[in-house]
Amino acid sequence: RRQQDAAKEARRQESAAKAALRDEKRKAREAKKASK
């Protein structure tokens, strides 16, 4: 159960990190567009 909970938390963190990365890329693209 502890291992399953740890795996679930790791998946949640990975998903959050991917979402944050997508958000950063989106912001970078928007910033690039704005600068052009």
PDB file of all heavy atoms in Angstrom:
ATOM      1  N   ARG A   1       0.838  -1.203   0.000  1.00  0.00           N
ATOM      2  CA  ARG A   1       0.000   0.000   0.000  1.00  0.00           C
ATOM      3  C   ARG A   1       0.875   1.256   0.000  1.00  0.00           C
ATOM      4  O   ARG A   1       0.607   2.208  -0.732  1.00  0.00           O
ATOM      5  CB  ARG A   1      -0.915  -0.028   1.225  1.00  0.00           C
ATOM      6  CG  ARG A   1      -1.856   1.153   1.388  1.00  0.00           C
ATOM      7  CD  ARG A   1      -2.941   1.245   0.327  1.00  0.00           C
ATOM      8  NE  ARG A   1      -3.613   0.006   0.018  1.00  0.00           N
ATOM      9  CZ  ARG A   1      -4.689  -0.476   0.629  1.00  0.00           C
ATOM     10  NH1 ARG A   1      -5.234   0.181   1.621  1.00  0.00           N
ATOM     11  NH2 ARG A   1      -5.231  -1.600   0.244  1.00  0.00           N
ATOM     12  N   ARG A   2       1.954   1.248   0.817  1.00  0.00           N
ATOM     13  CA  ARG A   2       2.866   2.396   0.844  1.00  0.00           C
ATOM     14  C   ARG A   2       3.524   2.596  -0.529  1.00  0.00           C
ATOM     15  O   ARG A   2       3.650   3.723  -1.015  1.00  0.00           O
ATOM     16  CB  ARG A   2       3.943   2.216   1.924  1.00  0.00           C
ATOM     17  CG  ARG A   2       3.448   2.491   3.334  1.00  0.00           C
ATOM     18  CD  ARG A   2       4.611   2.556   4.329  1.00  0.00           C
ATOM     19  NE  ARG A   2       5.227   1.262   4.577  1.00  0.00           N
ATOM     20  CZ  ARG A   2       4.831   0.404   5.523  1.00  0.00           C
ATOM     21  NH1 ARG A   2       3.828   0.714   6.305  1.00  0.00           N
ATOM     22  NH2 ARG A   2       5.450  -0.744   5.677  1.00  0.00           N
ATOM     23  N   GLN A   3       3.943   1.488  -1.137  1.00  0.00           N
ATOM     24  CA  GLN A   3       4.570   1.577  -2.461  1.00  0.00           C
ATOM     25  C   GLN A   3       3.581   2.091  -3.502  1.00  0.00           C
ATOM     26  O   GLN A   3       3.947   2.907  -4.358  1.00  0.00           O
ATOM     27  CB  GLN A   3       5.128   0.218  -2.874  1.00  0.00           C
ATOM     28  CG  GLN A   3       6.343  -0.212  -2.083  1.00  0.00           C
ATOM     29  CD  GLN A   3       6.785  -1.627  -2.417  1.00  0.00           C
ATOM     30  OE1 GLN A   3       6.157  -2.322  -3.207  1.00  0.00           O
ATOM     31  NE2 GLN A   3       7.882  -2.058  -1.803  1.00  0.00           N
ATOM     32  N   GLN A   4       2.342   1.613  -3.441  1.00  0.00           N
ATOM     33  CA  GLN A   4       1.320   2.081  -4.373  1.00  0.00           C
ATOM     34  C   GLN A   4       1.066   3.568  -4.176  1.00  0.00           C
ATOM     35  O   GLN A   4       0.936   4.323  -5.155  1.00  0.00           O
ATOM     36  CB  GLN A   4       0.013   1.294  -4.185  1.00  0.00           C
ATOM     37  CG  GLN A   4       0.090  -0.134  -4.677  1.00  0.00           C
ATOM     38  CD  GLN A   4      -1.145  -0.939  -4.317  1.00  0.00           C
ATOM     39  OE1 GLN A   4      -1.844  -0.660  -3.347  1.00  0.00           O
ATOM     40  NE2 GLN A   4      -1.426  -1.968  -5.115  1.00  0.00           N
ATOM     41  N   ASP A   5       0.991   3.993  -2.910  1.00  0.00           N
ATOM     42  CA  ASP A   5       0.778   5.415  -2.621  1.00  0.00           C
ATOM     43  C   ASP A   5       1.953   6.247  -3.129  1.00  0.00           C
ATOM     44  O   ASP A   5       1.758   7.330  -3.690  1.00  0.00           O
ATOM     45  CB  ASP A   5       0.572   5.642  -1.121  1.00  0.00           C
ATOM     46  CG  ASP A   5      -0.766   5.104  -0.618  1.00  0.00           C
ATOM     47  OD1 ASP A   5      -1.646   4.807  -1.459  1.00  0.00           O
ATOM     48  OD2 ASP A   5      -0.928   4.981   0.613  1.00  0.00           O
ATOM     49  N   ALA A   6       3.184   5.741  -2.927  1.00  0.00           N
ATOM     50  CA  ALA A   6       4.370   6.463  -3.395  1.00  0.00           C
ATOM     51  C   ALA A   6       4.365   6.543  -4.924  1.00  0.00           C
ATOM     52  O   ALA A   6       4.690   7.600  -5.496  1.00  0.00           O
ATOM     53  CB  ALA A   6       5.639   5.763  -2.899  1.00  0.00           C
ATOM     54  N   ALA A   7       3.988   5.450  -5.586  1.00  0.00           N
ATOM     55  CA  ALA A   7       3.925   5.451  -7.052  1.00  0.00           C
ATOM     56  C   ALA A   7       2.854   6.431  -7.540  1.00  0.00           C
ATOM     57  O   ALA A   7       3.063   7.164  -8.519  1.00  0.00           O
ATOM     58  CB  ALA A   7       3.641   4.042  -7.569  1.00  0.00           C
ATOM     59  N   LYS A   8       1.736   6.438  -6.862  1.00  0.00           N
ATOM     60  CA  LYS A   8       0.652   7.362  -7.220  1.00  0.00           C
ATOM     61  C   LYS A   8       1.111   8.802  -7.062  1.00  0.00           C
ATOM     62  O   LYS A   8       0.863   9.653  -7.932  1.00  0.00           O
ATOM     63  CB  LYS A   8      -0.555   7.083  -6.325  1.00  0.00           C
ATOM     64  CG  LYS A   8      -1.803   7.823  -6.706  1.00  0.00           C
ATOM     65  CD  LYS A   8      -2.954   7.376  -5.803  1.00  0.00           C
ATOM     66  CE  LYS A   8      -4.249   8.063  -6.155  1.00  0.00           C
ATOM     67  NZ  LYS A   8      -5.351   7.620  -5.279  1.00  0.00           N
ATOM     68  N   GLU A   9       1.811   9.084  -5.959  1.00  0.00           N
ATOM     69  CA  GLU A   9       2.328  10.438  -5.727  1.00  0.00           C
ATOM     70  C   GLU A   9       3.374  10.796  -6.782  1.00  0.00           C
ATOM     71  O   GLU A   9       3.398  11.927  -7.296  1.00  0.00           O
ATOM     72  CB  GLU A   9       2.934  10.532  -4.317  1.00  0.00           C
ATOM     73  CG  GLU A   9       3.543  11.868  -3.992  1.00  0.00           C
ATOM     74  CD  GLU A   9       2.557  13.037  -4.016  1.00  0.00           C
ATOM     75  OE1 GLU A   9       1.332  12.822  -3.905  1.00  0.00           O
ATOM     76  OE2 GLU A   9       3.033  14.174  -4.143  1.00  0.00           O
ATOM     77  N   ALA A  10       4.225   9.843  -7.151  1.00  0.00           N
ATOM     78  CA  ALA A  10       5.237  10.095  -8.187  1.00  0.00           C
ATOM     79  C   ALA A  10       4.561  10.398  -9.516  1.00  0.00           C
ATOM     80  O   ALA A  10       4.985  11.319 -10.237  1.00  0.00           O
ATOM     81  CB  ALA A  10       6.165   8.894  -8.317  1.00  0.00           C
ATOM     82  N   ARG A  11       3.508   9.657  -9.860  1.00  0.00           N
ATOM     83  CA  ARG A  11       2.767   9.919 -11.099  1.00  0.00           C
ATOM     84  C   ARG A  11       2.116  11.304 -11.051  1.00  0.00           C
ATOM     85  O   ARG A  11       2.112  12.046 -12.038  1.00  0.00           O
ATOM     86  CB  ARG A  11       1.693   8.839 -11.327  1.00  0.00           C
ATOM     87  CG  ARG A  11       2.259   7.518 -11.816  1.00  0.00           C
ATOM     88  CD  ARG A  11       1.166   6.567 -12.298  1.00  0.00           C
ATOM     89  NE  ARG A  11       0.153   6.285 -11.298  1.00  0.00           N
ATOM     90  CZ  ARG A  11       0.215   5.309 -10.402  1.00  0.00           C
ATOM     91  NH1 ARG A  11       1.278   4.505 -10.378  1.00  0.00           N
ATOM     92  NH2 ARG A  11      -0.761   5.112  -9.532  1.00  0.00           N
ATOM     93  N   ARG A  12       1.580  11.668  -9.884  1.00  0.00           N
ATOM     94  CA  ARG A  12       0.948  12.973  -9.740  1.00  0.00           C
ATOM     95  C   ARG A  12       1.994  14.087  -9.934  1.00  0.00           C
ATOM     96  O   ARG A  12       1.752  15.061 -10.657  1.00  0.00           O
ATOM     97  CB  ARG A  12       0.289  13.091  -8.369  1.00  0.00           C
ATOM     98  CG  ARG A  12      -0.539  14.376  -8.205  1.00  0.00           C
ATOM     99  CD  ARG A  12      -0.885  14.657  -6.771  1.00  0.00           C
ATOM    100  NE  ARG A  12       0.280  14.931  -5.924  1.00  0.00           N
ATOM    101  CZ  ARG A  12       0.993  16.060  -5.949  1.00  0.00           C
ATOM    102  NH1 ARG A  12       0.700  17.019  -6.800  1.00  0.00           N
ATOM    103  NH2 ARG A  12       2.009  16.226  -5.133  1.00  0.00           N
ATOM    104  N   GLN A  13       3.157  13.893  -9.312  1.00  0.00           N
ATOM    105  CA  GLN A  13       4.212  14.886  -9.444  1.00  0.00           C
ATOM    106  C   GLN A  13       4.722  14.967 -10.885  1.00  0.00           C
ATOM    107  O   GLN A  13       4.985  16.058 -11.409  1.00  0.00           O
ATOM    108  CB  GLN A  13       5.374  14.575  -8.488  1.00  0.00           C
ATOM    109  CG  GLN A  13       5.031  14.831  -7.029  1.00  0.00           C
ATOM    110  CD  GLN A  13       6.172  14.479  -6.086  1.00  0.00           C
ATOM    111  OE1 GLN A  13       7.243  14.060  -6.519  1.00  0.00           O
ATOM    112  NE2 GLN A  13       5.930  14.650  -4.790  1.00  0.00           N
ATOM    113  N   GLU A  14       4.851  13.810 -11.530  1.00  0.00           N
ATOM    114  CA  GLU A  14       5.296  13.791 -12.925  1.00  0.00           C
ATOM    115  C   GLU A  14       4.286  14.516 -13.809  1.00  0.00           C
ATOM    116  O   GLU A  14       4.648  15.326 -14.668  1.00  0.00           O
ATOM    117  CB  GLU A  14       5.467  12.343 -13.398  1.00  0.00           C
ATOM    118  CG  GLU A  14       5.968  12.220 -14.816  1.00  0.00           C
ATOM    119  CD  GLU A  14       6.072  10.781 -15.279  1.00  0.00           C
ATOM    120  OE1 GLU A  14       5.727   9.863 -14.508  1.00  0.00           O
ATOM    121  OE2 GLU A  14       6.491  10.575 -16.434  1.00  0.00           O
ATOM    122  N   SER A  15       3.013  14.243 -13.559  1.00  0.00           N
ATOM    123  CA  SER A  15       1.964  14.898 -14.325  1.00  0.00           C
ATOM    124  C   SER A  15       1.991  16.406 -14.086  1.00  0.00           C
ATOM    125  O   SER A  15       1.854  17.204 -15.031  1.00  0.00           O
ATOM    126  CB  SER A  15       0.603  14.319 -13.928  1.00  0.00           C
ATOM    127  OG  SER A  15      -0.433  14.953 -14.636  1.00  0.00           O
ATOM    128  N   ALA A  16       2.181  16.825 -12.849  1.00  0.00           N
ATOM    129  CA  ALA A  16       2.247  18.250 -12.525  1.00  0.00           C
ATOM    130  C   ALA A  16       3.464  18.888 -13.186  1.00  0.00           C
ATOM    131  O   ALA A  16       3.387  20.017 -13.711  1.00  0.00           O
ATOM    132  CB  ALA A  16       2.298  18.440 -11.012  1.00  0.00           C
ATOM    133  N   ALA A  17       4.594  18.163 -13.194  1.00  0.00           N
ATOM    134  CA  ALA A  17       5.808  18.686 -13.823  1.00  0.00           C
ATOM    135  C   ALA A  17       5.604  18.836 -15.326  1.00  0.00           C
ATOM    136  O   ALA A  17       6.019  19.845 -15.926  1.00  0.00           O
ATOM    137  CB  ALA A  17       6.994  17.767 -13.526  1.00  0.00           C
ATOM    138  N   LYS A  18       4.941  17.849 -15.941  1.00  0.00           N
ATOM    139  CA  LYS A  18       4.672  17.935 -17.385  1.00  0.00           C
ATOM    140  C   LYS A  18       3.751  19.119 -17.675  1.00  0.00           C
ATOM    141  O   LYS A  18       3.951  19.849 -18.651  1.00  0.00           O
ATOM    142  CB  LYS A  18       4.034  16.638 -17.888  1.00  0.00           C
ATOM    143  CG  LYS A  18       5.015  15.504 -18.042  1.00  0.00           C
ATOM    144  CD  LYS A  18       4.304  14.249 -18.557  1.00  0.00           C
ATOM    145  CE  LYS A  18       5.259  13.093 -18.716  1.00  0.00           C
ATOM    146  NZ  LYS A  18       4.568  11.874 -19.174  1.00  0.00           N
ATOM    147  N   ALA A  19       2.746  19.291 -16.843  1.00  0.00           N
ATOM    148  CA  ALA A  19       1.816  20.406 -17.031  1.00  0.00           C
ATOM    149  C   ALA A  19       2.558  21.728 -16.877  1.00  0.00           C
ATOM    150  O   ALA A  19       2.340  22.674 -17.662  1.00  0.00           O
ATOM    151  CB  ALA A  19       0.665  20.305 -16.043  1.00  0.00           C
ATOM    152  N   ALA A  20       3.443  21.803 -15.880  1.00  0.00           N
ATOM    153  CA  ALA A  20       4.217  23.025 -15.673  1.00  0.00           C
ATOM    154  C   ALA A  20       5.132  23.278 -16.868  1.00  0.00           C
ATOM    155  O   ALA A  20       5.276  24.429 -17.325  1.00  0.00           O
ATOM    156  CB  ALA A  20       5.032  22.917 -14.382  1.00  0.00           C
ATOM    157  N   LEU A  21       5.740  22.217 -17.408  1.00  0.00           N
ATOM    158  CA  LEU A  21       6.605  22.351 -18.572  1.00  0.00           C
ATOM    159  C   LEU A  21       5.806  22.833 -19.785  1.00  0.00           C
ATOM    160  O   LEU A  21       6.241  23.741 -20.512  1.00  0.00           O
ATOM    161  CB  LEU A  21       7.293  21.021 -18.870  1.00  0.00           C
ATOM    162  CG  LEU A  21       8.269  21.002 -20.041  1.00  0.00           C
ATOM    163  CD1 LEU A  21       9.423  21.978 -19.806  1.00  0.00           C
ATOM    164  CD2 LEU A  21       8.801  19.601 -20.260  1.00  0.00           C
ATOM    165  N   ARG A  22       4.638  22.254 -19.990  1.00  0.00           N
ATOM    166  CA  ARG A  22       3.768  22.684 -21.093  1.00  0.00           C
ATOM    167  C   ARG A  22       3.398  24.161 -20.922  1.00  0.00           C
ATOM    168  O   ARG A  22       3.397  24.948 -21.882  1.00  0.00           O
ATOM    169  CB  ARG A  22       2.501  21.825 -21.171  1.00  0.00           C
ATOM    170  CG  ARG A  22       2.708  20.474 -21.795  1.00  0.00           C
ATOM    171  CD  ARG A  22       1.380  19.779 -22.100  1.00  0.00           C
ATOM    172  NE  ARG A  22       0.488  19.683 -20.957  1.00  0.00           N
ATOM    173  CZ  ARG A  22       0.422  18.683 -20.091  1.00  0.00           C
ATOM    174  NH1 ARG A  22       1.242  17.641 -20.254  1.00  0.00           N
ATOM    175  NH2 ARG A  22      -0.431  18.687 -19.095  1.00  0.00           N
ATOM    176  N   ASP A  23       3.080  24.510 -19.694  1.00  0.00           N
ATOM    177  CA  ASP A  23       2.700  25.896 -19.406  1.00  0.00           C
ATOM    178  C   ASP A  23       3.870  26.838 -19.689  1.00  0.00           C
ATOM    179  O   ASP A  23       3.683  27.926 -20.285  1.00  0.00           O
ATOM    180  CB  ASP A  23       2.250  26.001 -17.947  1.00  0.00           C
ATOM    181  CG  ASP A  23       1.556  27.308 -17.656  1.00  0.00           C
ATOM    182  OD1 ASP A  23       0.808  27.795 -18.533  1.00  0.00           O
ATOM    183  OD2 ASP A  23       1.765  27.843 -16.543  1.00  0.00           O
ATOM    184  N   GLU A  24       5.094  26.421 -19.276  1.00  0.00           N
ATOM    185  CA  GLU A  24       6.290  27.237 -19.529  1.00  0.00           C
ATOM    186  C   GLU A  24       6.538  27.376 -21.029  1.00  0.00           C
ATOM    187  O   GLU A  24       6.852  28.470 -21.524  1.00  0.00           O
ATOM    188  CB  GLU A  24       7.516  26.628 -18.851  1.00  0.00           C
ATOM    189  CG  GLU A  24       7.536  26.774 -17.350  1.00  0.00           C
ATOM    190  CD  GLU A  24       7.585  28.224 -16.899  1.00  0.00           C
ATOM    191  OE1 GLU A  24       8.300  29.033 -17.523  1.00  0.00           O
ATOM    192  OE2 GLU A  24       6.889  28.559 -15.923  1.00  0.00           O
ATOM    193  N   LYS A  25       6.382  26.285 -21.771  1.00  0.00           N
ATOM    194  CA  LYS A  25       6.576  26.337 -23.224  1.00  0.00           C
ATOM    195  C   LYS A  25       5.547  27.258 -23.863  1.00  0.00           C
ATOM    196  O   LYS A  25       5.870  28.053 -24.753  1.00  0.00           O
ATOM    197  CB  LYS A  25       6.464  24.937 -23.837  1.00  0.00           C
ATOM    198  CG  LYS A  25       7.673  24.073 -23.602  1.00  0.00           C
ATOM    199  CD  LYS A  25       7.492  22.717 -24.285  1.00  0.00           C
ATOM    200  CE  LYS A  25       8.676  21.822 -24.086  1.00  0.00           C
ATOM    201  NZ  LYS A  25       8.484  20.514 -24.743  1.00  0.00           N
ATOM    202  N   ARG A  26       4.318  27.156 -23.393  1.00  0.00           N
ATOM    203  CA  ARG A  26       3.251  28.006 -23.931  1.00  0.00           C
ATOM    204  C   ARG A  26       3.575  29.471 -23.660  1.00  0.00           C
ATOM    205  O   ARG A  26       3.468  30.331 -24.557  1.00  0.00           O
ATOM    206  CB  ARG A  26       1.901  27.623 -23.320  1.00  0.00           C
ATOM    207  CG  ARG A  26       0.738  28.452 -23.846  1.00  0.00           C
ATOM    208  CD  ARG A  26      -0.566  28.116 -23.150  1.00  0.00           C
ATOM    209  NE  ARG A  26      -0.511  28.153 -21.697  1.00  0.00           N
ATOM    210  CZ  ARG A  26      -0.550  29.285 -20.964  1.00  0.00           C
ATOM    211  NH1 ARG A  26      -0.614  30.451 -21.537  1.00  0.00           N
ATOM    212  NH2 ARG A  26      -0.518  29.225 -19.643  1.00  0.00           N
ATOM    213  N   LYS A  27       3.991  29.763 -22.429  1.00  0.00           N
ATOM    214  CA  LYS A  27       4.341  31.143 -22.077  1.00  0.00           C
ATOM    215  C   LYS A  27       5.525  31.633 -22.909  1.00  0.00           C
ATOM    216  O   LYS A  27       5.562  32.792 -23.344  1.00  0.00           O
ATOM    217  CB  LYS A  27       4.660  31.256 -20.585  1.00  0.00           C
ATOM    218  CG  LYS A  27       3.440  31.183 -19.703  1.00  0.00           C
ATOM    219  CD  LYS A  27       3.846  31.319 -18.241  1.00  0.00           C
ATOM    220  CE  LYS A  27       2.634  31.173 -17.338  1.00  0.00           C
ATOM    221  NZ  LYS A  27       2.993  31.236 -15.914  1.00  0.00           N
ATOM    222  N   ALA A  28       6.507  30.728 -23.137  1.00  0.00           N
ATOM    223  CA  ALA A  28       7.669  31.109 -23.937  1.00  0.00           C
ATOM    224  C   ALA A  28       7.245  31.411 -25.373  1.00  0.00           C
ATOM    225  O   ALA A  28       7.722  32.392 -25.973  1.00  0.00           O
ATOM    226  CB  ALA A  28       8.710  30.009 -23.908  1.00  0.00           C
ATOM    227  N   ARG A  29       6.347  30.597 -25.930  1.00  0.00           N
ATOM    228  CA  ARG A  29       5.861  30.839 -27.283  1.00  0.00           C
ATOM    229  C   ARG A  29       5.106  32.170 -27.344  1.00  0.00           C
ATOM    230  O   ARG A  29       5.270  32.962 -28.264  1.00  0.00           O
ATOM    231  CB  ARG A  29       4.946  29.694 -27.751  1.00  0.00           C
ATOM    232  CG  ARG A  29       5.680  28.480 -28.232  1.00  0.00           C
ATOM    233  CD  ARG A  29       4.783  27.498 -28.965  1.00  0.00           C
ATOM    234  NE  ARG A  29       3.561  27.134 -28.256  1.00  0.00           N
ATOM    235  CZ  ARG A  29       3.435  26.129 -27.384  1.00  0.00           C
ATOM    236  NH1 ARG A  29       4.495  25.371 -27.115  1.00  0.00           N
ATOM    237  NH2 ARG A  29       2.295  25.889 -26.804  1.00  0.00           N
ATOM    238  N   GLU A  30       4.264  32.384 -26.336  1.00  0.00           N
ATOM    239  CA  GLU A  30       3.501  33.643 -26.296  1.00  0.00           C
ATOM    240  C   GLU A  30       4.439  34.841 -26.169  1.00  0.00           C
ATOM    241  O   GLU A  30       4.224  35.868 -26.822  1.00  0.00           O
ATOM    242  CB  GLU A  30       2.493  33.625 -25.152  1.00  0.00           C
ATOM    243  CG  GLU A  30       1.318  32.693 -25.395  1.00  0.00           C
ATOM    244  CD  GLU A  30       0.369  32.626 -24.177  1.00  0.00           C
ATOM    245  OE1 GLU A  30       0.659  33.252 -23.147  1.00  0.00           O
ATOM    246  OE2 GLU A  30      -0.636  31.905 -24.276  1.00  0.00           O
ATOM    247  N   ALA A  31       5.462  34.673 -25.354  1.00  0.00           N
ATOM    248  CA  ALA A  31       6.422  35.768 -25.165  1.00  0.00           C
ATOM    249  C   ALA A  31       7.187  36.025 -26.473  1.00  0.00           C
ATOM    250  O   ALA A  31       7.452  37.183 -26.848  1.00  0.00           O
ATOM    251  CB  ALA A  31       7.386  35.451 -24.028  1.00  0.00           C
ATOM    252  N   LYS A  32       7.513  34.950 -27.167  1.00  0.00           N
ATOM    253  CA  LYS A  32       8.235  35.054 -28.436  1.00  0.00           C
ATOM    254  C   LYS A  32       7.364  35.775 -29.463  1.00  0.00           C
ATOM    255  O   LYS A  32       7.823  36.624 -30.205  1.00  0.00           O
ATOM    256  CB  LYS A  32       8.629  33.650 -28.916  1.00  0.00           C
ATOM    257  CG  LYS A  32       9.613  33.652 -30.029  1.00  0.00           C
ATOM    258  CD  LYS A  32      10.025  32.222 -30.318  1.00  0.00           C
ATOM    259  CE  LYS A  32      11.038  32.151 -31.412  1.00  0.00           C
ATOM    260  NZ  LYS A  32      11.416  30.801 -31.764  1.00  0.00           N
ATOM    261  N   LYS A  33       6.047  35.387 -29.493  1.00  0.00           N
ATOM    262  CA  LYS A  33       5.110  36.026 -30.411  1.00  0.00           C
ATOM    263  C   LYS A  33       4.973  37.504 -30.088  1.00  0.00           C
ATOM    264  O   LYS A  33       4.940  38.368 -30.970  1.00  0.00           O
ATOM    265  CB  LYS A  33       3.734  35.371 -30.318  1.00  0.00           C
ATOM    266  CG  LYS A  33       3.519  34.198 -31.194  1.00  0.00           C
ATOM    267  CD  LYS A  33       2.061  33.755 -31.068  1.00  0.00           C
ATOM    268  CE  LYS A  33       1.796  32.511 -31.842  1.00  0.00           C
ATOM    269  NZ  LYS A  33       0.401  32.086 -31.711  1.00  0.00           N
ATOM    270  N   ALA A  34       4.902  37.796 -28.804  1.00  0.00           N
ATOM    271  CA  ALA A  34       4.732  39.180 -28.379  1.00  0.00           C
ATOM    272  C   ALA A  34       5.956  39.995 -28.734  1.00  0.00           C
ATOM    273  O   ALA A  34       5.860  41.187 -29.084  1.00  0.00           O
ATOM    274  CB  ALA A  34       4.446  39.235 -26.896  1.00  0.00           C
ATOM    275  N   SER A  35       7.128  39.395 -28.668  1.00  0.00           N
ATOM    276  CA  SER A  35       8.331  40.135 -28.961  1.00  0.00           C
ATOM    277  C   SER A  35       8.473  40.379 -30.480  1.00  0.00           C
ATOM    278  O   SER A  35       9.085  41.353 -30.877  1.00  0.00           O
ATOM    279  CB  SER A  35       9.566  39.422 -28.427  1.00  0.00           C
ATOM    280  OG  SER A  35       9.794  38.234 -29.139  1.00  0.00           O
ATOM    281  N   LYS A  36       7.900  39.530 -31.287  1.00  0.00           N
ATOM    282  CA  LYS A  36       7.946  39.703 -32.735  1.00  0.00           C
ATOM    283  C   LYS A  36       6.996  40.804 -33.165  1.00  0.00           C
ATOM    284  O   LYS A  36       7.209  41.428 -34.177  1.00  0.00           O
ATOM    285  CB  LYS A  36       7.565  38.405 -33.460  1.00  0.00           C
ATOM    286  CG  LYS A  36       8.665  37.369 -33.423  1.00  0.00           C
ATOM    287  CD  LYS A  36       8.250  36.159 -34.247  1.00  0.00           C
ATOM    288  CE  LYS A  36       9.345  35.125 -34.224  1.00  0.00           C
ATOM    289  NZ  LYS A  36       8.978  33.938 -34.976  1.00  0.00           N
TER     290      LYS A  36
END
